[in-house]
């Protein structure tokens, strides 16, 4: 249904479309690595529309990706708590 949403301006366009169609939605949420909009259809299915960027290379190089848990600045203070709840992937 949705193609790439390149930026916040396009996401705001989709926010208006969603509301004009009568769906309840969140406002645009800034998650540092991308912006998101959530809404539910009449069957309760949750949809997410997210921008492409800036992406996870906002604060790491491509070579550094996956080397450690990387959190947006607003979650860095909770890093130890979050890491303690993670289970290793087999």
N, C-alpha and C. Protein backbone atom coordinates (compact mmCIF):
# COMPACT_ATOMS: atom_id res chain seq x y z
N UNK A 1 0.82 -1.19 0.00
CA UNK A 1 0.00 0.00 0.00
C UNK A 1 0.87 1.25 0.00
N UNK A 2 1.95 1.25 0.82
CA UNK A 2 2.80 2.42 0.91
C UNK A 2 4.14 2.13 0.24
N UNK A 3 4.65 3.12 -0.42
CA UNK A 3 6.00 3.05 -0.96
C UNK A 3 6.92 3.69 0.08
N UNK A 4 8.14 3.94 -0.28
CA UNK A 4 9.06 4.58 0.65
C UNK A 4 8.53 5.95 1.07
N UNK A 5 8.63 6.23 2.35
CA UNK A 5 8.32 7.56 2.88
C UNK A 5 9.68 8.18 3.16
N UNK A 6 10.05 9.14 2.35
CA UNK A 6 11.42 9.64 2.37
C UNK A 6 11.74 10.58 3.52
N UNK A 7 10.73 11.33 4.00
CA UNK A 7 11.03 12.33 5.02
C UNK A 7 9.78 12.68 5.82
N UNK A 8 9.96 13.57 6.79
CA UNK A 8 8.87 13.98 7.64
C UNK A 8 7.74 14.67 6.90
N UNK A 9 8.07 15.39 5.85
CA UNK A 9 7.04 16.07 5.06
C UNK A 9 6.10 15.05 4.42
N UNK A 10 6.66 13.99 3.84
CA UNK A 10 5.83 12.94 3.25
C UNK A 10 5.03 12.20 4.31
N UNK A 11 5.65 12.00 5.48
CA UNK A 11 4.94 11.32 6.56
C UNK A 11 3.76 12.17 7.04
N UNK A 12 3.93 13.47 7.08
CA UNK A 12 2.82 14.37 7.45
C UNK A 12 1.70 14.28 6.43
N UNK A 13 2.04 14.13 5.15
CA UNK A 13 1.03 13.93 4.11
C UNK A 13 0.21 12.67 4.44
N UNK A 14 0.90 11.56 4.76
CA UNK A 14 0.20 10.31 5.06
C UNK A 14 -0.61 10.41 6.34
N UNK A 15 -0.13 11.19 7.30
CA UNK A 15 -0.90 11.40 8.53
C UNK A 15 -2.25 12.04 8.20
N UNK A 16 -2.24 13.01 7.31
CA UNK A 16 -3.49 13.66 6.89
C UNK A 16 -4.39 12.68 6.14
N UNK A 17 -3.82 11.88 5.24
CA UNK A 17 -4.60 10.90 4.49
C UNK A 17 -5.27 9.91 5.45
N UNK A 18 -4.50 9.41 6.41
CA UNK A 18 -5.03 8.45 7.37
C UNK A 18 -6.19 9.05 8.15
N UNK A 19 -6.01 10.27 8.64
CA UNK A 19 -7.08 10.93 9.41
C UNK A 19 -8.28 11.26 8.53
N UNK A 20 -8.03 11.68 7.29
CA UNK A 20 -9.14 11.97 6.36
C UNK A 20 -9.96 10.74 6.04
N UNK A 21 -9.33 9.56 6.15
CA UNK A 21 -10.05 8.29 5.91
C UNK A 21 -10.79 7.83 7.16
N UNK A 22 -10.68 8.58 8.25
CA UNK A 22 -11.42 8.27 9.45
C UNK A 22 -10.73 7.37 10.45
N UNK A 23 -9.44 7.10 10.24
CA UNK A 23 -8.72 6.24 11.17
C UNK A 23 -8.13 7.07 12.31
N UNK A 24 -8.08 6.47 13.49
CA UNK A 24 -7.39 7.07 14.62
C UNK A 24 -5.90 6.80 14.45
N UNK A 25 -5.08 7.79 14.72
CA UNK A 25 -3.64 7.58 14.58
C UNK A 25 -2.88 8.30 15.67
N UNK A 26 -1.64 7.89 15.83
CA UNK A 26 -0.75 8.64 16.70
C UNK A 26 -0.36 9.90 15.94
N UNK A 27 0.25 10.82 16.62
CA UNK A 27 0.91 11.90 15.89
C UNK A 27 2.22 11.31 15.38
N UNK A 28 2.93 12.05 14.57
CA UNK A 28 4.23 11.58 14.09
C UNK A 28 5.18 11.49 15.28
N UNK A 29 5.83 10.33 15.43
CA UNK A 29 6.73 10.08 16.55
C UNK A 29 8.17 10.11 16.03
N UNK A 30 9.01 10.93 16.68
CA UNK A 30 10.41 11.02 16.30
C UNK A 30 11.20 10.00 17.11
N UNK A 31 11.74 8.98 16.45
CA UNK A 31 12.50 7.92 17.12
C UNK A 31 13.99 8.05 16.86
N UNK A 32 14.47 9.22 16.50
CA UNK A 32 15.86 9.55 16.24
C UNK A 32 16.35 8.95 14.93
N UNK A 33 16.22 7.64 14.75
CA UNK A 33 16.69 7.01 13.52
C UNK A 33 15.68 7.13 12.38
N UNK A 34 14.45 7.36 12.72
CA UNK A 34 13.37 7.52 11.75
C UNK A 34 12.18 8.13 12.47
N UNK A 35 11.19 8.54 11.70
CA UNK A 35 9.94 9.03 12.25
C UNK A 35 8.85 8.03 11.89
N UNK A 36 7.88 7.87 12.77
CA UNK A 36 6.83 6.88 12.54
C UNK A 36 5.45 7.44 12.82
N UNK A 37 4.48 6.83 12.14
CA UNK A 37 3.07 7.10 12.37
C UNK A 37 2.39 5.75 12.51
N UNK A 38 1.60 5.56 13.57
CA UNK A 38 0.85 4.33 13.76
C UNK A 38 -0.63 4.61 13.63
N UNK A 39 -1.36 3.65 13.04
CA UNK A 39 -2.82 3.74 13.04
C UNK A 39 -3.40 2.34 12.94
N UNK A 40 -4.66 2.21 13.35
CA UNK A 40 -5.36 0.92 13.29
C UNK A 40 -6.52 1.03 12.31
N UNK A 41 -6.73 -0.07 11.57
CA UNK A 41 -7.89 -0.11 10.69
C UNK A 41 -9.12 -0.54 11.49
N UNK A 42 -10.25 -0.65 10.82
CA UNK A 42 -11.50 -0.98 11.52
C UNK A 42 -11.50 -2.38 12.11
N UNK A 43 -10.59 -3.26 11.68
CA UNK A 43 -10.45 -4.60 12.25
C UNK A 43 -9.44 -4.64 13.39
N UNK A 44 -8.86 -3.49 13.73
CA UNK A 44 -7.90 -3.42 14.82
C UNK A 44 -6.47 -3.73 14.42
N UNK A 45 -6.21 -3.92 13.13
CA UNK A 45 -4.85 -4.22 12.67
C UNK A 45 -4.01 -2.95 12.77
N UNK A 46 -2.85 -3.08 13.40
CA UNK A 46 -1.95 -1.94 13.58
C UNK A 46 -1.04 -1.79 12.37
N UNK A 47 -1.01 -0.58 11.83
CA UNK A 47 -0.13 -0.25 10.71
C UNK A 47 0.91 0.75 11.17
N UNK A 48 2.09 0.64 10.59
CA UNK A 48 3.17 1.57 10.86
C UNK A 48 3.65 2.13 9.53
N UNK A 49 3.78 3.44 9.48
CA UNK A 49 4.40 4.10 8.32
C UNK A 49 5.63 4.81 8.87
N UNK A 50 6.79 4.53 8.31
CA UNK A 50 8.04 5.10 8.82
C UNK A 50 8.86 5.71 7.69
N UNK A 51 9.61 6.73 8.04
CA UNK A 51 10.52 7.33 7.07
C UNK A 51 11.72 6.42 6.87
N UNK A 52 12.41 6.62 5.76
CA UNK A 52 13.62 5.85 5.48
C UNK A 52 14.80 6.30 6.34
N UNK A 53 14.84 7.54 6.68
CA UNK A 53 16.04 8.03 7.33
C UNK A 53 15.75 8.88 8.53
N UNK A 54 16.80 9.27 9.20
CA UNK A 54 18.16 9.22 8.72
C UNK A 54 18.79 7.83 8.78
N UNK A 55 18.21 6.92 9.53
CA UNK A 55 18.72 5.56 9.58
C UNK A 55 19.75 5.35 10.67
N UNK A 56 20.19 4.11 10.79
CA UNK A 56 21.10 3.74 11.87
C UNK A 56 22.52 4.25 11.65
N UNK A 57 22.82 4.77 10.48
CA UNK A 57 24.15 5.35 10.27
C UNK A 57 24.18 6.82 10.71
N UNK A 58 23.13 7.26 11.41
CA UNK A 58 23.12 8.63 11.95
C UNK A 58 24.23 8.82 12.97
N UNK A 59 24.59 7.76 13.68
CA UNK A 59 25.64 7.89 14.68
C UNK A 59 26.69 6.79 14.64
N UNK A 60 26.61 5.90 13.65
CA UNK A 60 27.62 4.85 13.46
C UNK A 60 27.97 4.73 11.98
N UNK A 61 29.15 4.22 11.71
CA UNK A 61 29.49 3.93 10.32
C UNK A 61 28.89 2.58 9.95
N UNK A 62 28.82 2.27 8.68
CA UNK A 62 28.29 0.98 8.23
C UNK A 62 29.10 -0.15 8.83
N UNK A 63 30.41 0.01 8.93
CA UNK A 63 31.28 -1.02 9.48
C UNK A 63 31.00 -1.29 10.96
N UNK A 64 30.53 -0.30 11.69
CA UNK A 64 30.27 -0.44 13.13
C UNK A 64 28.90 -1.07 13.43
N UNK A 65 28.00 -1.05 12.45
CA UNK A 65 26.64 -1.55 12.69
C UNK A 65 26.66 -3.02 13.12
N UNK A 66 25.88 -3.34 14.14
CA UNK A 66 25.76 -4.72 14.62
C UNK A 66 26.82 -5.13 15.61
N UNK A 67 27.78 -4.28 15.88
CA UNK A 67 28.85 -4.63 16.81
C UNK A 67 28.44 -4.54 18.26
N UNK A 68 27.45 -3.72 18.56
CA UNK A 68 26.96 -3.55 19.92
C UNK A 68 25.54 -3.03 19.84
N UNK A 69 24.86 -3.05 20.98
CA UNK A 69 23.53 -2.48 21.04
C UNK A 69 23.65 -0.98 20.85
N UNK A 70 22.98 -0.45 19.89
CA UNK A 70 23.03 0.98 19.61
C UNK A 70 21.63 1.54 19.85
N UNK A 71 21.54 2.47 20.77
CA UNK A 71 20.26 3.05 21.14
C UNK A 71 20.23 4.53 20.78
N UNK A 72 19.03 5.05 20.53
CA UNK A 72 18.93 6.49 20.32
C UNK A 72 19.28 7.21 21.63
N UNK A 73 19.71 8.46 21.53
CA UNK A 73 20.14 9.20 22.72
C UNK A 73 19.14 9.18 23.88
N UNK A 74 17.85 9.21 23.58
CA UNK A 74 16.86 9.27 24.66
C UNK A 74 16.75 7.94 25.44
N UNK A 75 17.39 6.87 24.96
CA UNK A 75 17.38 5.58 25.67
C UNK A 75 18.75 5.18 26.21
N UNK A 76 19.77 5.93 25.91
CA UNK A 76 21.13 5.56 26.33
C UNK A 76 21.25 5.36 27.84
N UNK A 77 20.56 6.14 28.63
CA UNK A 77 20.65 6.01 30.09
C UNK A 77 20.10 4.67 30.57
N UNK A 78 19.27 4.02 29.76
CA UNK A 78 18.66 2.73 30.13
C UNK A 78 19.36 1.55 29.45
N UNK A 79 20.53 1.77 28.88
CA UNK A 79 21.22 0.74 28.10
C UNK A 79 21.43 -0.54 28.91
N UNK A 80 21.96 -0.45 30.12
CA UNK A 80 22.22 -1.65 30.93
C UNK A 80 20.93 -2.40 31.22
N UNK A 81 19.87 -1.68 31.53
CA UNK A 81 18.57 -2.30 31.81
C UNK A 81 18.04 -3.04 30.58
N UNK A 82 18.15 -2.42 29.43
CA UNK A 82 17.67 -3.03 28.18
C UNK A 82 18.52 -4.24 27.82
N UNK A 83 19.84 -4.11 27.91
CA UNK A 83 20.73 -5.24 27.59
C UNK A 83 20.46 -6.43 28.50
N UNK A 84 20.15 -6.21 29.77
CA UNK A 84 19.90 -7.28 30.72
C UNK A 84 18.67 -8.11 30.33
N UNK A 85 17.76 -7.54 29.58
CA UNK A 85 16.52 -8.23 29.20
C UNK A 85 16.63 -8.94 27.84
N UNK A 86 17.73 -8.74 27.15
CA UNK A 86 17.91 -9.34 25.83
C UNK A 86 18.36 -10.79 25.95
N UNK A 87 17.86 -11.61 25.06
CA UNK A 87 18.29 -13.01 25.01
C UNK A 87 19.14 -13.20 23.75
N UNK A 88 20.22 -13.98 23.85
CA UNK A 88 21.08 -14.20 22.69
C UNK A 88 20.32 -14.88 21.54
N UNK A 89 20.68 -14.54 20.33
CA UNK A 89 20.13 -15.22 19.16
C UNK A 89 20.98 -16.44 18.87
N UNK A 90 20.34 -17.55 18.57
CA UNK A 90 21.08 -18.76 18.23
C UNK A 90 21.37 -18.81 16.75
